[in-house]
PDB file of N, CA and C in Angstrom:
ATOM      1  N   UNK A   1     -68.436 -40.081  24.167  1.00  0.00           N
ATOM      2  CA  UNK A   1     -68.404 -38.732  24.673  1.00  0.00           C
ATOM      3  C   UNK A   1     -68.567 -38.778  26.191  1.00  0.00           C
ATOM      4  N   UNK A   2     -67.788 -37.952  26.885  1.00  0.00           N
ATOM      5  CA  UNK A   2     -67.868 -37.852  28.335  1.00  0.00           C
ATOM      6  C   UNK A   2     -68.447 -36.487  28.671  1.00  0.00           C
ATOM      7  N   UNK A   3     -69.442 -36.465  29.532  1.00  0.00           N
ATOM      8  CA  UNK A   3     -70.068 -35.215  29.942  1.00  0.00           C
ATOM      9  C   UNK A   3     -70.033 -35.142  31.456  1.00  0.00           C
ATOM     10  N   UNK A   4     -69.685 -33.973  31.985  1.00  0.00           N
ATOM     11  CA  UNK A   4     -69.686 -33.775  33.425  1.00  0.00           C
ATOM     12  C   UNK A   4     -70.119 -32.345  33.709  1.00  0.00           C
ATOM     13  N   UNK A   5     -71.013 -32.171  34.660  1.00  0.00           N
ATOM     14  CA  UNK A   5     -71.470 -30.838  35.036  1.00  0.00           C
ATOM     15  C   UNK A   5     -70.395 -30.146  35.864  1.00  0.00           C
ATOM     16  N   UNK A   6     -70.312 -28.832  35.727  1.00  0.00           N
ATOM     17  CA  UNK A   6     -69.351 -28.073  36.517  1.00  0.00           C
ATOM     18  C   UNK A   6     -69.783 -28.040  37.968  1.00  0.00           C
ATOM     19  N   UNK A   7     -68.812 -28.137  38.856  1.00  0.00           N
ATOM     20  CA  UNK A   7     -69.025 -28.025  40.293  1.00  0.00           C
ATOM     21  C   UNK A   7     -68.051 -26.980  40.805  1.00  0.00           C
ATOM     22  N   UNK A   8     -68.306 -26.451  41.982  1.00  0.00           N
ATOM     23  CA  UNK A   8     -67.432 -25.440  42.565  1.00  0.00           C
ATOM     24  C   UNK A   8     -66.918 -25.935  43.904  1.00  0.00           C
ATOM     25  N   UNK A   9     -65.687 -25.568  44.214  1.00  0.00           N
ATOM     26  CA  UNK A   9     -65.074 -25.962  45.481  1.00  0.00           C
ATOM     27  C   UNK A   9     -65.894 -25.416  46.647  1.00  0.00           C
ATOM     28  N   UNK A  10     -66.097 -26.233  47.647  1.00  0.00           N
ATOM     29  CA  UNK A  10     -66.818 -25.817  48.850  1.00  0.00           C
ATOM     30  C   UNK A  10     -65.861 -25.247  49.892  1.00  0.00           C
ATOM     31  N   UNK A  11     -64.605 -25.694  49.852  1.00  0.00           N
ATOM     32  CA  UNK A  11     -63.607 -25.303  50.851  1.00  0.00           C
ATOM     33  C   UNK A  11     -62.670 -24.274  50.254  1.00  0.00           C
ATOM     34  N   UNK A  12     -62.706 -23.006  50.722  1.00  0.00           N
ATOM     35  CA  UNK A  12     -61.826 -21.990  50.144  1.00  0.00           C
ATOM     36  C   UNK A  12     -60.339 -22.283  50.340  1.00  0.00           C
ATOM     37  N   UNK A  13     -59.999 -23.159  51.270  1.00  0.00           N
ATOM     38  CA  UNK A  13     -58.596 -23.513  51.455  1.00  0.00           C
ATOM     39  C   UNK A  13     -58.080 -24.367  50.299  1.00  0.00           C
ATOM     40  N   UNK A  14     -58.978 -25.009  49.580  1.00  0.00           N
ATOM     41  CA  UNK A  14     -58.623 -25.836  48.427  1.00  0.00           C
ATOM     42  C   UNK A  14     -59.545 -25.430  47.274  1.00  0.00           C
ATOM     43  N   UNK A  15     -59.245 -24.300  46.593  1.00  0.00           N
ATOM     44  CA  UNK A  15     -60.212 -23.680  45.694  1.00  0.00           C
ATOM     45  C   UNK A  15     -60.368 -24.313  44.317  1.00  0.00           C
ATOM     46  N   UNK A  16     -59.513 -25.243  43.927  1.00  0.00           N
ATOM     47  CA  UNK A  16     -59.579 -25.779  42.579  1.00  0.00           C
ATOM     48  C   UNK A  16     -60.265 -27.134  42.546  1.00  0.00           C
ATOM     49  N   UNK A  17     -61.140 -27.325  41.572  1.00  0.00           N
ATOM     50  CA  UNK A  17     -61.813 -28.601  41.358  1.00  0.00           C
ATOM     51  C   UNK A  17     -61.374 -29.113  39.990  1.00  0.00           C
ATOM     52  N   UNK A  18     -60.803 -30.304  39.950  1.00  0.00           N
ATOM     53  CA  UNK A  18     -60.385 -30.898  38.677  1.00  0.00           C
ATOM     54  C   UNK A  18     -61.542 -31.714  38.129  1.00  0.00           C
ATOM     55  N   UNK A  19     -61.949 -31.422  36.906  1.00  0.00           N
ATOM     56  CA  UNK A  19     -63.101 -32.086  36.320  1.00  0.00           C
ATOM     57  C   UNK A  19     -62.725 -33.179  35.334  1.00  0.00           C
ATOM     58  N   UNK A  20     -61.744 -32.945  34.531  1.00  0.00           N
ATOM     59  CA  UNK A  20     -61.355 -33.906  33.504  1.00  0.00           C
ATOM     60  C   UNK A  20     -59.836 -33.964  33.434  1.00  0.00           C
ATOM     61  N   UNK A  21     -59.323 -35.109  33.147  1.00  0.00           N
ATOM     62  CA  UNK A  21     -57.917 -35.243  32.787  1.00  0.00           C
ATOM     63  C   UNK A  21     -57.870 -36.237  31.642  1.00  0.00           C
ATOM     64  N   UNK A  22     -57.627 -35.742  30.449  1.00  0.00           N
ATOM     65  CA  UNK A  22     -57.536 -36.586  29.271  1.00  0.00           C
ATOM     66  C   UNK A  22     -56.063 -36.870  29.044  1.00  0.00           C
ATOM     67  N   UNK A  23     -55.706 -38.114  28.923  1.00  0.00           N
ATOM     68  CA  UNK A  23     -54.308 -38.449  28.736  1.00  0.00           C
ATOM     69  C   UNK A  23     -54.188 -39.629  27.789  1.00  0.00           C
ATOM     70  N   UNK A  24     -53.195 -39.556  26.939  1.00  0.00           N
ATOM     71  CA  UNK A  24     -52.927 -40.617  25.977  1.00  0.00           C
ATOM     72  C   UNK A  24     -51.413 -40.681  25.851  1.00  0.00           C
ATOM     73  N   UNK A  25     -50.782 -41.844  26.022  1.00  0.00           N
ATOM     74  CA  UNK A  25     -49.323 -41.922  25.946  1.00  0.00           C
ATOM     75  C   UNK A  25     -48.751 -41.352  24.647  1.00  0.00           C
ATOM     76  N   UNK A  26     -49.532 -41.351  23.589  1.00  0.00           N
ATOM     77  CA  UNK A  26     -49.045 -40.847  22.310  1.00  0.00           C
ATOM     78  C   UNK A  26     -49.395 -39.378  22.112  1.00  0.00           C
ATOM     79  N   UNK A  27     -50.038 -38.754  23.089  1.00  0.00           N
ATOM     80  CA  UNK A  27     -50.474 -37.369  22.914  1.00  0.00           C
ATOM     81  C   UNK A  27     -50.265 -36.591  24.211  1.00  0.00           C
ATOM     82  N   UNK A  28     -50.596 -35.339  24.169  1.00  0.00           N
ATOM     83  CA  UNK A  28     -50.511 -34.494  25.353  1.00  0.00           C
ATOM     84  C   UNK A  28     -51.707 -34.732  26.259  1.00  0.00           C
ATOM     85  N   UNK A  29     -51.634 -34.178  27.461  1.00  0.00           N
ATOM     86  CA  UNK A  29     -52.732 -34.255  28.420  1.00  0.00           C
ATOM     87  C   UNK A  29     -53.475 -32.929  28.442  1.00  0.00           C
ATOM     88  N   UNK A  30     -54.740 -32.981  28.833  1.00  0.00           N
ATOM     89  CA  UNK A  30     -55.535 -31.770  29.033  1.00  0.00           C
ATOM     90  C   UNK A  30     -56.326 -31.944  30.320  1.00  0.00           C
ATOM     91  N   UNK A  31     -56.338 -30.905  31.133  1.00  0.00           N
ATOM     92  CA  UNK A  31     -57.077 -30.900  32.387  1.00  0.00           C
ATOM     93  C   UNK A  31     -58.002 -29.701  32.342  1.00  0.00           C
ATOM     94  N   UNK A  32     -59.267 -29.917  32.654  1.00  0.00           N
ATOM     95  CA  UNK A  32     -60.255 -28.843  32.686  1.00  0.00           C
ATOM     96  C   UNK A  32     -60.850 -28.814  34.076  1.00  0.00           C
ATOM     97  N   UNK A  33     -60.935 -27.644  34.672  1.00  0.00           N
ATOM     98  CA  UNK A  33     -61.500 -27.554  36.010  1.00  0.00           C
ATOM     99  C   UNK A  33     -62.036 -26.179  36.309  1.00  0.00           C
ATOM    100  N   UNK A  34     -62.577 -26.028  37.515  1.00  0.00           N
ATOM    101  CA  UNK A  34     -63.103 -24.752  37.972  1.00  0.00           C
ATOM    102  C   UNK A  34     -62.349 -24.303  39.205  1.00  0.00           C
ATOM    103  N   UNK A  35     -62.364 -23.020  39.463  1.00  0.00           N
ATOM    104  CA  UNK A  35     -61.780 -22.457  40.666  1.00  0.00           C
ATOM    105  C   UNK A  35     -62.756 -21.498  41.305  1.00  0.00           C
ATOM    106  N   UNK A  36     -62.767 -21.458  42.623  1.00  0.00           N
ATOM    107  CA  UNK A  36     -63.619 -20.549  43.382  1.00  0.00           C
ATOM    108  C   UNK A  36     -62.751 -19.988  44.491  1.00  0.00           C
ATOM    109  N   UNK A  37     -62.355 -18.734  44.359  1.00  0.00           N
ATOM    110  CA  UNK A  37     -61.431 -18.123  45.316  1.00  0.00           C
ATOM    111  C   UNK A  37     -62.132 -17.015  46.084  1.00  0.00           C
ATOM    112  N   UNK A  38     -61.838 -16.907  47.367  1.00  0.00           N
ATOM    113  CA  UNK A  38     -62.381 -15.847  48.215  1.00  0.00           C
ATOM    114  C   UNK A  38     -61.551 -14.584  48.050  1.00  0.00           C
ATOM    115  N   UNK A  39     -62.154 -13.451  48.308  1.00  0.00           N
ATOM    116  CA  UNK A  39     -61.474 -12.163  48.204  1.00  0.00           C
ATOM    117  C   UNK A  39     -60.167 -12.177  48.992  1.00  0.00           C
ATOM    118  N   UNK A  40     -59.084 -11.756  48.364  1.00  0.00           N
ATOM    119  CA  UNK A  40     -57.766 -11.702  49.000  1.00  0.00           C
ATOM    120  C   UNK A  40     -56.964 -12.988  48.898  1.00  0.00           C
ATOM    121  N   UNK A  41     -57.598 -14.079  48.508  1.00  0.00           N
ATOM    122  CA  UNK A  41     -56.918 -15.378  48.448  1.00  0.00           C
ATOM    123  C   UNK A  41     -55.976 -15.452  47.245  1.00  0.00           C
ATOM    124  N   UNK A  42     -54.775 -15.981  47.467  1.00  0.00           N
ATOM    125  CA  UNK A  42     -53.843 -16.263  46.382  1.00  0.00           C
ATOM    126  C   UNK A  42     -54.146 -17.645  45.839  1.00  0.00           C
ATOM    127  N   UNK A  43     -54.056 -17.800  44.528  1.00  0.00           N
ATOM    128  CA  UNK A  43     -54.297 -19.107  43.934  1.00  0.00           C
ATOM    129  C   UNK A  43     -53.082 -19.981  44.155  1.00  0.00           C
ATOM    130  N   UNK A  44     -53.298 -21.249  44.430  1.00  0.00           N
ATOM    131  CA  UNK A  44     -52.168 -22.139  44.721  1.00  0.00           C
ATOM    132  C   UNK A  44     -51.288 -22.351  43.498  1.00  0.00           C
ATOM    133  N   UNK A  45     -50.027 -22.622  43.772  1.00  0.00           N
ATOM    134  CA  UNK A  45     -49.098 -22.973  42.710  1.00  0.00           C
ATOM    135  C   UNK A  45     -49.393 -24.391  42.249  1.00  0.00           C
ATOM    136  N   UNK A  46     -49.145 -24.688  40.993  1.00  0.00           N
ATOM    137  CA  UNK A  46     -49.421 -26.041  40.501  1.00  0.00           C
ATOM    138  C   UNK A  46     -48.450 -27.060  41.092  1.00  0.00           C
ATOM    139  N   UNK A  47     -48.906 -28.306  41.161  1.00  0.00           N
ATOM    140  CA  UNK A  47     -48.017 -29.372  41.619  1.00  0.00           C
ATOM    141  C   UNK A  47     -46.876 -29.533  40.620  1.00  0.00           C
ATOM    142  N   UNK A  48     -45.701 -30.009  41.063  1.00  0.00           N
ATOM    143  CA  UNK A  48     -44.528 -30.095  40.179  1.00  0.00           C
ATOM    144  C   UNK A  48     -44.772 -30.860  38.877  1.00  0.00           C
ATOM    145  N   UNK A  49     -45.618 -31.885  38.899  1.00  0.00           N
ATOM    146  CA  UNK A  49     -45.834 -32.671  37.675  1.00  0.00           C
ATOM    147  C   UNK A  49     -46.554 -31.865  36.598  1.00  0.00           C
ATOM    148  N   UNK A  50     -47.144 -30.734  36.971  1.00  0.00           N
ATOM    149  CA  UNK A  50     -47.869 -29.896  36.014  1.00  0.00           C
ATOM    150  C   UNK A  50     -47.064 -28.683  35.563  1.00  0.00           C
ATOM    151  N   UNK A  51     -45.887 -28.476  36.140  1.00  0.00           N
ATOM    152  CA  UNK A  51     -45.158 -27.224  35.958  1.00  0.00           C
ATOM    153  C   UNK A  51     -44.898 -26.837  34.506  1.00  0.00           C
ATOM    154  N   UNK A  52     -44.742 -27.792  33.612  1.00  0.00           N
ATOM    155  CA  UNK A  52     -44.416 -27.454  32.220  1.00  0.00           C
ATOM    156  C   UNK A  52     -45.649 -27.378  31.327  1.00  0.00           C
ATOM    157  N   UNK A  53     -46.818 -27.586  31.899  1.00  0.00           N
ATOM    158  CA  UNK A  53     -48.045 -27.463  31.117  1.00  0.00           C
ATOM    159  C   UNK A  53     -48.396 -25.987  30.932  1.00  0.00           C
ATOM    160  N   UNK A  54     -49.169 -25.685  29.908  1.00  0.00           N
ATOM    161  CA  UNK A  54     -49.712 -24.345  29.714  1.00  0.00           C
ATOM    162  C   UNK A  54     -51.064 -24.285  30.416  1.00  0.00           C
ATOM    163  N   UNK A  55     -51.474 -23.073  30.773  1.00  0.00           N
ATOM    164  CA  UNK A  55     -52.760 -22.890  31.438  1.00  0.00           C
ATOM    165  C   UNK A  55     -53.485 -21.710  30.812  1.00  0.00           C
ATOM    166  N   UNK A  56     -54.772 -21.880  30.603  1.00  0.00           N
ATOM    167  CA  UNK A  56     -55.655 -20.791  30.211  1.00  0.00           C
ATOM    168  C   UNK A  56     -56.673 -20.642  31.331  1.00  0.00           C
ATOM    169  N   UNK A  57     -56.852 -19.418  31.816  1.00  0.00           N
ATOM    170  CA  UNK A  57     -57.846 -19.125  32.837  1.00  0.00           C
ATOM    171  C   UNK A  57     -58.880 -18.197  32.210  1.00  0.00           C
ATOM    172  N   UNK A  58     -60.158 -18.519  32.403  1.00  0.00           N
ATOM    173  CA  UNK A  58     -61.259 -17.663  31.950  1.00  0.00           C
ATOM    174  C   UNK A  58     -62.036 -17.250  33.196  1.00  0.00           C
ATOM    175  N   UNK A  59     -62.080 -15.958  33.474  1.00  0.00           N
ATOM    176  CA  UNK A  59     -62.790 -15.454  34.649  1.00  0.00           C
ATOM    177  C   UNK A  59     -64.289 -15.427  34.344  1.00  0.00           C
ATOM    178  N   UNK A  60     -65.070 -16.049  35.222  1.00  0.00           N
ATOM    179  CA  UNK A  60     -66.519 -16.108  35.051  1.00  0.00           C
ATOM    180  C   UNK A  60     -67.243 -15.103  35.945  1.00  0.00           C
ATOM    181  N   UNK A  61     -66.706 -14.856  37.137  1.00  0.00           N
ATOM    182  CA  UNK A  61     -67.303 -13.909  38.083  1.00  0.00           C
ATOM    183  C   UNK A  61     -66.194 -13.362  38.971  1.00  0.00           C
ATOM    184  N   UNK A  62     -66.348 -12.118  39.429  1.00  0.00           N
ATOM    185  CA  UNK A  62     -65.357 -11.503  40.300  1.00  0.00           C
ATOM    186  C   UNK A  62     -64.201 -10.934  39.499  1.00  0.00           C
ATOM    187  N   UNK A  63     -63.019 -10.879  40.119  1.00  0.00           N
ATOM    188  CA  UNK A  63     -61.837 -10.375  39.426  1.00  0.00           C
ATOM    189  C   UNK A  63     -60.576 -10.942  40.062  1.00  0.00           C
ATOM    190  N   UNK A  64     -59.569 -11.151  39.226  1.00  0.00           N
ATOM    191  CA  UNK A  64     -58.276 -11.677  39.658  1.00  0.00           C
ATOM    192  C   UNK A  64     -57.185 -10.691  39.290  1.00  0.00           C
ATOM    193  N   UNK A  65     -56.228 -10.514  40.171  1.00  0.00           N
ATOM    194  CA  UNK A  65     -55.041  -9.721  39.886  1.00  0.00           C
ATOM    195  C   UNK A  65     -53.931 -10.675  39.459  1.00  0.00           C
ATOM    196  N   UNK A  66     -53.282 -10.366  38.354  1.00  0.00           N
ATOM    197  CA  UNK A  66     -52.154 -11.170  37.867  1.00  0.00           C
ATOM    198  C   UNK A  66     -50.916 -10.290  37.945  1.00  0.00           C
ATOM    199  N   UNK A  67     -49.895 -10.725  38.716  1.00  0.00           N
ATOM    200  CA  UNK A  67     -48.687  -9.937  38.918  1.00  0.00           C
ATOM    201  C   UNK A  67     -47.461 -10.770  38.605  1.00  0.00           C
ATOM    202  N   UNK A  68     -46.569 -10.202  37.772  1.00  0.00           N
ATOM    203  CA  UNK A  68     -45.287 -10.843  37.499  1.00  0.00           C
ATOM    204  C   UNK A  68     -44.273  -9.736  37.307  1.00  0.00           C
ATOM    205  N   UNK A  69     -43.188  -9.805  38.079  1.00  0.00           N
ATOM    206  CA  UNK A  69     -42.207  -8.736  38.035  1.00  0.00           C
ATOM    207  C   UNK A  69     -42.876  -7.434  38.457  1.00  0.00           C
ATOM    208  N   UNK A  70     -42.677  -6.376  37.697  1.00  0.00           N
ATOM    209  CA  UNK A  70     -43.312  -5.096  37.999  1.00  0.00           C
ATOM    210  C   UNK A  70     -44.633  -4.905  37.282  1.00  0.00           C
ATOM    211  N   UNK A  71     -45.045  -5.901  36.481  1.00  0.00           N
ATOM    212  CA  UNK A  71     -46.283  -5.776  35.713  1.00  0.00           C
ATOM    213  C   UNK A  71     -47.465  -6.335  36.496  1.00  0.00           C
ATOM    214  N   UNK A  72     -48.613  -5.678  36.354  1.00  0.00           N
ATOM    215  CA  UNK A  72     -49.830  -6.122  37.014  1.00  0.00           C
ATOM    216  C   UNK A  72     -51.016  -5.834  36.105  1.00  0.00           C
ATOM    217  N   UNK A  73     -51.972  -6.746  36.089  1.00  0.00           N
ATOM    218  CA  UNK A  73     -53.205  -6.500  35.354  1.00  0.00           C
ATOM    219  C   UNK A  73     -54.357  -7.140  36.095  1.00  0.00           C
ATOM    220  N   UNK A  74     -55.569  -6.676  35.815  1.00  0.00           N
ATOM    221  CA  UNK A  74     -56.765  -7.198  36.459  1.00  0.00           C
ATOM    222  C   UNK A  74     -57.592  -7.929  35.420  1.00  0.00           C
ATOM    223  N   UNK A  75     -57.972  -9.168  35.743  1.00  0.00           N
ATOM    224  CA  UNK A  75     -58.830  -9.979  34.885  1.00  0.00           C
ATOM    225  C   UNK A  75     -60.245  -9.926  35.436  1.00  0.00           C
ATOM    226  N   UNK A  76     -61.196  -9.561  34.575  1.00  0.00           N
ATOM    227  CA  UNK A  76     -62.603  -9.436  34.959  1.00  0.00           C
ATOM    228  C   UNK A  76     -63.421 -10.469  34.207  1.00  0.00           C
ATOM    229  N   UNK A  77     -64.716 -10.633  34.540  1.00  0.00           N
ATOM    230  CA  UNK A  77     -65.533 -11.635  33.849  1.00  0.00           C
ATOM    231  C   UNK A  77     -65.449 -11.503  32.324  1.00  0.00           C
ATOM    232  N   UNK A  78     -65.197 -12.646  31.697  1.00  0.00           N
ATOM    233  CA  UNK A  78     -65.045 -12.692  30.251  1.00  0.00           C
ATOM    234  C   UNK A  78     -63.607 -12.607  29.797  1.00  0.00           C
ATOM    235  N   UNK A  79     -62.692 -12.148  30.676  1.00  0.00           N
ATOM    236  CA  UNK A  79     -61.271 -12.072  30.330  1.00  0.00           C
ATOM    237  C   UNK A  79     -60.633 -13.448  30.450  1.00  0.00           C
ATOM    238  N   UNK A  80     -59.622 -13.678  29.625  1.00  0.00           N
ATOM    239  CA  UNK A  80     -58.850 -14.907  29.722  1.00  0.00           C
ATOM    240  C   UNK A  80     -57.375 -14.571  29.680  1.00  0.00           C
ATOM    241  N   UNK A  81     -56.566 -15.447  30.236  1.00  0.00           N
ATOM    242  CA  UNK A  81     -55.114 -15.274  30.244  1.00  0.00           C
ATOM    243  C   UNK A  81     -54.472 -16.638  30.058  1.00  0.00           C
ATOM    244  N   UNK A  82     -53.292 -16.650  29.467  1.00  0.00           N
ATOM    245  CA  UNK A  82     -52.577 -17.892  29.222  1.00  0.00           C
ATOM    246  C   UNK A  82     -51.137 -17.742  29.690  1.00  0.00           C
ATOM    247  N   UNK A  83     -50.588 -18.824  30.243  1.00  0.00           N
ATOM    248  CA  UNK A  83     -49.196 -18.817  30.690  1.00  0.00           C
ATOM    249  C   UNK A  83     -48.705 -20.249  30.808  1.00  0.00           C
ATOM    250  N   UNK A  84     -47.384 -20.417  30.777  1.00  0.00           N
ATOM    251  CA  UNK A  84     -46.775 -21.695  31.142  1.00  0.00           C
ATOM    252  C   UNK A  84     -46.790 -21.730  32.661  1.00  0.00           C
ATOM    253  N   UNK A  85     -47.221 -22.835  33.256  1.00  0.00           N
ATOM    254  CA  UNK A  85     -47.436 -22.870  34.702  1.00  0.00           C
ATOM    255  C   UNK A  85     -46.194 -22.504  35.511  1.00  0.00           C
ATOM    256  N   UNK A  86     -44.999 -22.935  35.104  1.00  0.00           N
ATOM    257  CA  UNK A  86     -43.822 -22.603  35.921  1.00  0.00           C
ATOM    258  C   UNK A  86     -43.457 -21.128  35.816  1.00  0.00           C
ATOM    259  N   UNK A  87     -44.086 -20.400  34.881  1.00  0.00           N
ATOM    260  CA  UNK A  87     -43.859 -18.957  34.761  1.00  0.00           C
ATOM    261  C   UNK A  87     -45.163 -18.173  34.917  1.00  0.00           C
ATOM    262  N   UNK A  88     -46.164 -18.818  35.491  1.00  0.00           N
ATOM    263  CA  UNK A  88     -47.460 -18.174  35.671  1.00  0.00           C
ATOM    264  C   UNK A  88     -47.314 -16.998  36.628  1.00  0.00           C
ATOM    265  N   UNK A  89     -47.999 -15.886  36.333  1.00  0.00           N
ATOM    266  CA  UNK A  89     -47.956 -14.772  37.279  1.00  0.00           C
ATOM    267  C   UNK A  89     -48.606 -15.154  38.602  1.00  0.00           C
ATOM    268  N   UNK A  90     -48.296 -14.397  39.643  1.00  0.00           N
ATOM    269  CA  UNK A  90     -48.941 -14.589  40.939  1.00  0.00           C
ATOM    270  C   UNK A  90     -50.383 -14.122  40.785  1.00  0.00           C
ATOM    271  N   UNK A  91     -51.341 -14.991  41.102  1.00  0.00           N
ATOM    272  CA  UNK A  91     -52.754 -14.672  40.943  1.00  0.00           C
ATOM    273  C   UNK A  91     -53.414 -14.524  42.305  1.00  0.00           C
ATOM    274  N   UNK A  92     -54.198 -13.441  42.460  1.00  0.00           N
ATOM    275  CA  UNK A  92     -54.910 -13.194  43.710  1.00  0.00           C
ATOM    276  C   UNK A  92     -56.326 -12.735  43.382  1.00  0.00           C
ATOM    277  N   UNK A  93     -57.299 -13.258  44.117  1.00  0.00           N
ATOM    278  CA  UNK A  93     -58.686 -12.828  43.951  1.00  0.00           C
ATOM    279  C   UNK A  93     -58.859 -11.449  44.587  1.00  0.00           C
ATOM    280  N   UNK A  94     -59.359 -10.492  43.819  1.00  0.00           N
ATOM    281  CA  UNK A  94     -59.625  -9.166  44.350  1.00  0.00           C
ATOM    282  C   UNK A  94     -60.999  -9.099  45.016  1.00  0.00           C
ATOM    283  N   UNK A  95     -61.840 -10.068  44.700  1.00  0.00           N
ATOM    284  CA  UNK A  95     -63.158 -10.237  45.296  1.00  0.00           C
ATOM    285  C   UNK A  95     -63.502 -11.711  45.130  1.00  0.00           C
ATOM    286  N   UNK A  96     -64.578 -12.169  45.738  1.00  0.00           N
ATOM    287  CA  UNK A  96     -64.963 -13.564  45.540  1.00  0.00           C
ATOM    288  C   UNK A  96     -65.070 -13.814  44.039  1.00  0.00           C
ATOM    289  N   UNK A  97     -64.394 -14.856  43.543  1.00  0.00           N
ATOM    290  CA  UNK A  97     -64.265 -15.062  42.102  1.00  0.00           C
ATOM    291  C   UNK A  97     -64.462 -16.526  41.733  1.00  0.00           C
ATOM    292  N   UNK A  98     -65.001 -16.735  40.536  1.00  0.00           N
ATOM    293  CA  UNK A  98     -65.107 -18.072  39.949  1.00  0.00           C
ATOM    294  C   UNK A  98     -64.461 -18.017  38.574  1.00  0.00           C
ATOM    295  N   UNK A  99     -63.768 -19.104  38.233  1.00  0.00           N
ATOM    296  CA  UNK A  99     -63.093 -19.146  36.948  1.00  0.00           C
ATOM    297  C   UNK A  99     -63.017 -20.579  36.452  1.00  0.00           C
ATOM    298  N   UNK A 100     -62.784 -20.701  35.175  1.00  0.00           N
ATOM    299  CA  UNK A 100     -62.570 -21.980  34.510  1.00  0.00           C
ATOM    300  C   UNK A 100     -61.093 -22.028  34.151  1.00  0.00           C
ATOM    301  N   UNK A 101     -60.457 -23.188  34.340  1.00  0.00           N
ATOM    302  CA  UNK A 101     -59.066 -23.299  33.908  1.00  0.00           C
ATOM    303  C   UNK A 101     -58.890 -24.530  33.037  1.00  0.00           C
ATOM    304  N   UNK A 102     -57.998 -24.384  32.071  1.00  0.00           N
ATOM    305  CA  UNK A 102     -57.657 -25.458  31.141  1.00  0.00           C
ATOM    306  C   UNK A 102     -56.141 -25.563  31.143  1.00  0.00           C
ATOM    307  N   UNK A 103     -55.638 -26.736  31.452  1.00  0.00           N
ATOM    308  CA  UNK A 103     -54.187 -26.985  31.429  1.00  0.00           C
ATOM    309  C   UNK A 103     -53.927 -28.025  30.361  1.00  0.00           C
ATOM    310  N   UNK A 104     -52.885 -27.798  29.567  1.00  0.00           N
ATOM    311  CA  UNK A 104     -52.595 -28.744  28.496  1.00  0.00           C
ATOM    312  C   UNK A 104     -51.102 -28.817  28.249  1.00  0.00           C
ATOM    313  N   UNK A 105     -50.662 -29.966  27.742  1.00  0.00           N
ATOM    314  CA  UNK A 105     -49.242 -30.209  27.486  1.00  0.00           C
ATOM    315  C   UNK A 105     -48.813 -31.507  28.141  1.00  0.00           C
ATOM    316  N   UNK A 106     -47.521 -31.712  28.242  1.00  0.00           N
ATOM    317  CA  UNK A 106     -46.975 -32.929  28.845  1.00  0.00           C
ATOM    318  C   UNK A 106     -46.935 -32.818  30.360  1.00  0.00           C
ATOM    319  N   UNK A 107     -47.479 -33.827  31.029  1.00  0.00           N
ATOM    320  CA  UNK A 107     -47.345 -33.933  32.488  1.00  0.00           C
ATOM    321  C   UNK A 107     -46.101 -34.745  32.774  1.00  0.00           C
ATOM    322  N   UNK A 108     -45.353 -34.369  33.791  1.00  0.00           N
ATOM    323  CA  UNK A 108     -44.172 -35.113  34.197  1.00  0.00           C
ATOM    324  C   UNK A 108     -44.549 -36.151  35.230  1.00  0.00           C
ATOM    325  N   UNK A 109     -44.057 -37.371  35.050  1.00  0.00           N
ATOM    326  CA  UNK A 109     -44.302 -38.433  36.034  1.00  0.00           C
ATOM    327  C   UNK A 109     -43.287 -38.319  37.160  1.00  0.00           C
ATOM    328  N   UNK A 110     -43.556 -38.931  38.338  1.00  0.00           N
ATOM    329  CA  UNK A 110     -42.630 -38.819  39.471  1.00  0.00           C
ATOM    330  C   UNK A 110     -41.198 -39.255  39.131  1.00  0.00           C
ATOM    331  N   UNK A 111     -41.027 -40.152  38.159  1.00  0.00           N
ATOM    332  CA  UNK A 111     -39.681 -40.602  37.794  1.00  0.00           C
ATOM    333  C   UNK A 111     -38.979 -39.629  36.831  1.00  0.00           C
ATOM    334  N   UNK A 112     -39.666 -38.492  36.527  1.00  0.00           N
ATOM    335  CA  UNK A 112     -39.062 -37.492  35.639  1.00  0.00           C
ATOM    336  C   UNK A 112     -39.491 -37.647  34.202  1.00  0.00           C
ATOM    337  N   UNK A 113     -40.119 -38.792  33.849  1.00  0.00           N
ATOM    338  CA  UNK A 113     -40.607 -38.981  32.481  1.00  0.00           C
ATOM    339  C   UNK A 113     -41.926 -38.244  32.299  1.00  0.00           C
ATOM    340  N   UNK A 114     -42.490 -38.361  31.117  1.00  0.00           N
ATOM    341  CA  UNK A 114     -43.798 -37.756  30.907  1.00  0.00           C
ATOM    342  C   UNK A 114     -44.802 -38.837  30.609  1.00  0.00           C
ATOM    343  N   UNK A 115     -46.106 -38.437  30.664  1.00  0.00           N
ATOM    344  CA  UNK A 115     -47.126 -39.450  30.370  1.00  0.00           C
ATOM    345  C   UNK A 115     -47.747 -39.222  29.022  1.00  0.00           C
TER     346      UNK A 115
END
């Protein structure tokens, strides 16, 4: 068993902290991490190797705006949302916010294969 305490990003310019990456060539990958965004900050887009993974975000404090097309919703503490990363809505912190994120699925390797 692997145990790691949650930590929060100190630098608002790089708000995501990756805590775990479980990977097995015969299975999918899972990444668990935390995010700490300042009011008004947009969450960064995922790196290309993660684009086809799914993501679940659970808001722990503050609030996030999720916008895609003409639709918009506000995520508050206790709310969760799921999306495929390449189709994830635009996320913006409406106030200083902390959240947990879980990404899972196949990661693409630089050569275009998966791991």
